[in-house]
Amino acid sequence: MKATIWHNPNCSKSRQALALLEEEPDIDLTVIQYLKNPPSAEKLAQLYRDAGMAAREGLRLSGTDAKERGLTEADDAAVVAAMAADPKLIERPLVETDKGVRLCRPPEKVKEIL
């Protein structure tokens, strides 16, 4: 099975989700440090759609100016555009497999798509 994690190595939840993925046999894992290689707006929209969540549910509030920028009340297109332009606004980690996408908070949510 293929799996992709949008990872921040400085985040404990992201490191925990990555460790869970690395423990799984037969996983073809791609690790993307999204702060260095941010996903496009189109990719973000697809990830949230496949996760069955609104983009603002994937908005990182802690340590960002998302509230001050009005993003907590913005529509998905505005939120996704802001995230693509400023990837620190993306809550992490996002994991995508053939079985779906999850925002892995808590990290154990990754097991739902393995």
C-alpha atoms as a PDB file:
ATOM      1  CA  MET A   1       0.000   0.000   0.000  1.00  0.00           C
ATOM      2  CA  LYS A   2       1.158   3.510  -0.771  1.00  0.00           C
ATOM      3  CA  ALA A   3       1.023   6.144   1.943  1.00  0.00           C
ATOM      4  CA  THR A   4       1.994   9.806   1.963  1.00  0.00           C
ATOM      5  CA  ILE A   5       2.438  11.845   5.111  1.00  0.00           C
ATOM      6  CA  TRP A   6       2.616  15.637   5.095  1.00  0.00           C
ATOM      7  CA  HIS A   7       5.065  15.833   7.942  1.00  0.00           C
ATOM      8  CA  ASN A   8       6.601  18.402  10.254  1.00  0.00           C
ATOM      9  CA  PRO A   9       9.561  16.840  12.095  1.00  0.00           C
ATOM     10  CA  ASN A  10       9.237  19.438  14.873  1.00  0.00           C
ATOM     11  CA  CYS A  11       5.700  18.246  15.741  1.00  0.00           C
ATOM     12  CA  SER A  12       5.330  15.369  18.207  1.00  0.00           C
ATOM     13  CA  LYS A  13       1.976  14.262  16.730  1.00  0.00           C
ATOM     14  CA  SER A  14       3.498  14.177  13.267  1.00  0.00           C
ATOM     15  CA  ARG A  15       6.497  12.182  14.510  1.00  0.00           C
ATOM     16  CA  GLN A  16       4.150   9.727  16.260  1.00  0.00           C
ATOM     17  CA  ALA A  17       2.039   9.221  13.127  1.00  0.00           C
ATOM     18  CA  LEU A  18       5.190   8.716  11.068  1.00  0.00           C
ATOM     19  CA  ALA A  19       6.426   6.104  13.552  1.00  0.00           C
ATOM     20  CA  LEU A  20       3.115   4.231  13.257  1.00  0.00           C
ATOM     21  CA  LEU A  21       3.422   4.242   9.469  1.00  0.00           C
ATOM     22  CA  GLU A  22       7.027   3.053   9.614  1.00  0.00           C
ATOM     23  CA  GLU A  23       5.979   0.100  11.804  1.00  0.00           C
ATOM     24  CA  GLU A  24       3.564  -1.174   9.156  1.00  0.00           C
ATOM     25  CA  PRO A  25       4.845  -3.886   6.832  1.00  0.00           C
ATOM     26  CA  ASP A  26       4.368  -3.474   3.093  1.00  0.00           C
ATOM     27  CA  ILE A  27       3.905   0.311   3.165  1.00  0.00           C
ATOM     28  CA  ASP A  28       5.469   2.294   0.345  1.00  0.00           C
ATOM     29  CA  LEU A  29       5.888   5.504   2.345  1.00  0.00           C
ATOM     30  CA  THR A  30       6.469   8.990   0.998  1.00  0.00           C
ATOM     31  CA  VAL A  31       7.345  11.658   3.555  1.00  0.00           C
ATOM     32  CA  ILE A  32       6.811  15.253   2.501  1.00  0.00           C
ATOM     33  CA  GLN A  33       8.043  17.995   4.786  1.00  0.00           C
ATOM     34  CA  TYR A  34       5.225  20.336   3.876  1.00  0.00           C
ATOM     35  CA  LEU A  35       6.869  23.461   5.274  1.00  0.00           C
ATOM     36  CA  LYS A  36       9.695  22.967   2.740  1.00  0.00           C
ATOM     37  CA  ASN A  37       7.508  21.544  -0.060  1.00  0.00           C
ATOM     38  CA  PRO A  38       3.963  22.818   0.465  1.00  0.00           C
ATOM     39  CA  PRO A  39       1.081  21.158  -1.330  1.00  0.00           C
ATOM     40  CA  SER A  40      -0.735  23.166  -3.975  1.00  0.00           C
ATOM     41  CA  ALA A  41      -4.162  24.629  -3.307  1.00  0.00           C
ATOM     42  CA  GLU A  42      -5.595  21.941  -5.594  1.00  0.00           C
ATOM     43  CA  LYS A  43      -3.889  19.152  -3.633  1.00  0.00           C
ATOM     44  CA  LEU A  44      -5.048  20.590  -0.311  1.00  0.00           C
ATOM     45  CA  ALA A  45      -8.625  20.848  -1.563  1.00  0.00           C
ATOM     46  CA  GLN A  46      -8.465  17.210  -2.699  1.00  0.00           C
ATOM     47  CA  LEU A  47      -7.013  16.060   0.641  1.00  0.00           C
ATOM     48  CA  TYR A  48      -9.736  17.744   2.692  1.00  0.00           C
ATOM     49  CA  ARG A  49     -12.443  16.555   0.304  1.00  0.00           C
ATOM     50  CA  ASP A  50     -11.150  12.975   0.549  1.00  0.00           C
ATOM     51  CA  ALA A  51     -10.957  13.290   4.328  1.00  0.00           C
ATOM     52  CA  GLY A  52     -14.603  14.420   4.395  1.00  0.00           C
ATOM     53  CA  MET A  53     -13.795  17.627   6.197  1.00  0.00           C
ATOM     54  CA  ALA A  54     -13.976  21.342   5.584  1.00  0.00           C
ATOM     55  CA  ALA A  55     -10.628  23.000   4.959  1.00  0.00           C
ATOM     56  CA  ARG A  56     -11.005  25.191   8.031  1.00  0.00           C
ATOM     57  CA  GLU A  57     -11.168  22.009  10.139  1.00  0.00           C
ATOM     58  CA  GLY A  58      -7.584  21.467   8.997  1.00  0.00           C
ATOM     59  CA  LEU A  59      -6.522  24.998   9.872  1.00  0.00           C
ATOM     60  CA  ARG A  60      -3.759  25.287  12.442  1.00  0.00           C
ATOM     61  CA  LEU A  61      -4.728  27.892  15.014  1.00  0.00           C
ATOM     62  CA  SER A  62      -1.940  27.459  17.560  1.00  0.00           C
ATOM     63  CA  GLY A  63       1.064  29.605  16.753  1.00  0.00           C
ATOM     64  CA  THR A  64      -0.545  31.226  13.710  1.00  0.00           C
ATOM     65  CA  ASP A  65      -2.500  34.367  12.902  1.00  0.00           C
ATOM     66  CA  ALA A  66      -5.382  32.399  11.346  1.00  0.00           C
ATOM     67  CA  LYS A  67      -8.012  33.914  13.660  1.00  0.00           C
ATOM     68  CA  GLU A  68      -6.748  37.447  13.160  1.00  0.00           C
ATOM     69  CA  ARG A  69      -6.862  36.943   9.397  1.00  0.00           C
ATOM     70  CA  GLY A  70     -10.494  35.836   9.610  1.00  0.00           C
ATOM     71  CA  LEU A  71      -9.722  32.366   8.288  1.00  0.00           C
ATOM     72  CA  THR A  72     -11.801  30.589  10.931  1.00  0.00           C
ATOM     73  CA  GLU A  73     -14.892  32.078   9.264  1.00  0.00           C
ATOM     74  CA  ALA A  74     -13.664  32.004   5.661  1.00  0.00           C
ATOM     75  CA  ASP A  75     -14.889  29.669   2.941  1.00  0.00           C
ATOM     76  CA  ASP A  76     -12.861  26.639   1.881  1.00  0.00           C
ATOM     77  CA  ALA A  77     -11.364  28.335  -1.175  1.00  0.00           C
ATOM     78  CA  ALA A  78      -9.970  31.208   0.900  1.00  0.00           C
ATOM     79  CA  VAL A  79      -8.644  28.853   3.582  1.00  0.00           C
ATOM     80  CA  VAL A  80      -6.972  26.562   1.053  1.00  0.00           C
ATOM     81  CA  ALA A  81      -5.417  29.528  -0.767  1.00  0.00           C
ATOM     82  CA  ALA A  82      -4.049  30.865   2.529  1.00  0.00           C
ATOM     83  CA  MET A  83      -2.647  27.441   3.462  1.00  0.00           C
ATOM     84  CA  ALA A  84      -0.981  27.018   0.076  1.00  0.00           C
ATOM     85  CA  ALA A  85       0.617  30.461   0.406  1.00  0.00           C
ATOM     86  CA  ASP A  86       1.574  29.983   4.081  1.00  0.00           C
ATOM     87  CA  PRO A  87       1.929  26.260   4.915  1.00  0.00           C
ATOM     88  CA  LYS A  88       2.369  26.890   8.640  1.00  0.00           C
ATOM     89  CA  LEU A  89      -1.435  27.276   8.594  1.00  0.00           C
ATOM     90  CA  ILE A  90      -1.830  23.559   7.778  1.00  0.00           C
ATOM     91  CA  GLU A  91      -2.651  21.398  10.800  1.00  0.00           C
ATOM     92  CA  ARG A  92      -0.563  18.279  10.803  1.00  0.00           C
ATOM     93  CA  PRO A  93      -0.065  15.524  10.027  1.00  0.00           C
ATOM     94  CA  LEU A  94      -2.189  14.731   7.009  1.00  0.00           C
ATOM     95  CA  VAL A  95      -1.871  11.152   5.772  1.00  0.00           C
ATOM     96  CA  GLU A  96      -3.168   9.830   2.449  1.00  0.00           C
ATOM     97  CA  THR A  97      -3.448   6.163   1.463  1.00  0.00           C
ATOM     98  CA  ASP A  98      -5.462   4.222  -1.084  1.00  0.00           C
ATOM     99  CA  LYS A  99      -8.149   3.943   1.611  1.00  0.00           C
ATOM    100  CA  GLY A 100      -8.536   7.665   2.246  1.00  0.00           C
ATOM    101  CA  VAL A 101      -7.121  10.692   4.016  1.00  0.00           C
ATOM    102  CA  ARG A 102      -6.976  11.517   7.712  1.00  0.00           C
ATOM    103  CA  LEU A 103      -5.806  14.441   9.777  1.00  0.00           C
ATOM    104  CA  CYS A 104      -3.982  12.265  12.282  1.00  0.00           C
ATOM    105  CA  ARG A 105      -4.747  14.042  15.522  1.00  0.00           C
ATOM    106  CA  PRO A 106      -4.525  11.868  17.513  1.00  0.00           C
ATOM    107  CA  PRO A 107      -1.825   9.977  15.577  1.00  0.00           C
ATOM    108  CA  GLU A 108      -3.698   6.665  15.962  1.00  0.00           C
ATOM    109  CA  LYS A 109      -6.286   7.907  13.419  1.00  0.00           C
ATOM    110  CA  VAL A 110      -3.824   6.762  10.777  1.00  0.00           C
ATOM    111  CA  LYS A 111      -4.915   3.182  11.499  1.00  0.00           C
ATOM    112  CA  GLU A 112      -8.342   3.982   9.997  1.00  0.00           C
ATOM    113  CA  ILE A 113      -6.792   4.172   6.534  1.00  0.00           C
ATOM    114  CA  LEU A 114      -4.278   1.314   6.694  1.00  0.00           C
END
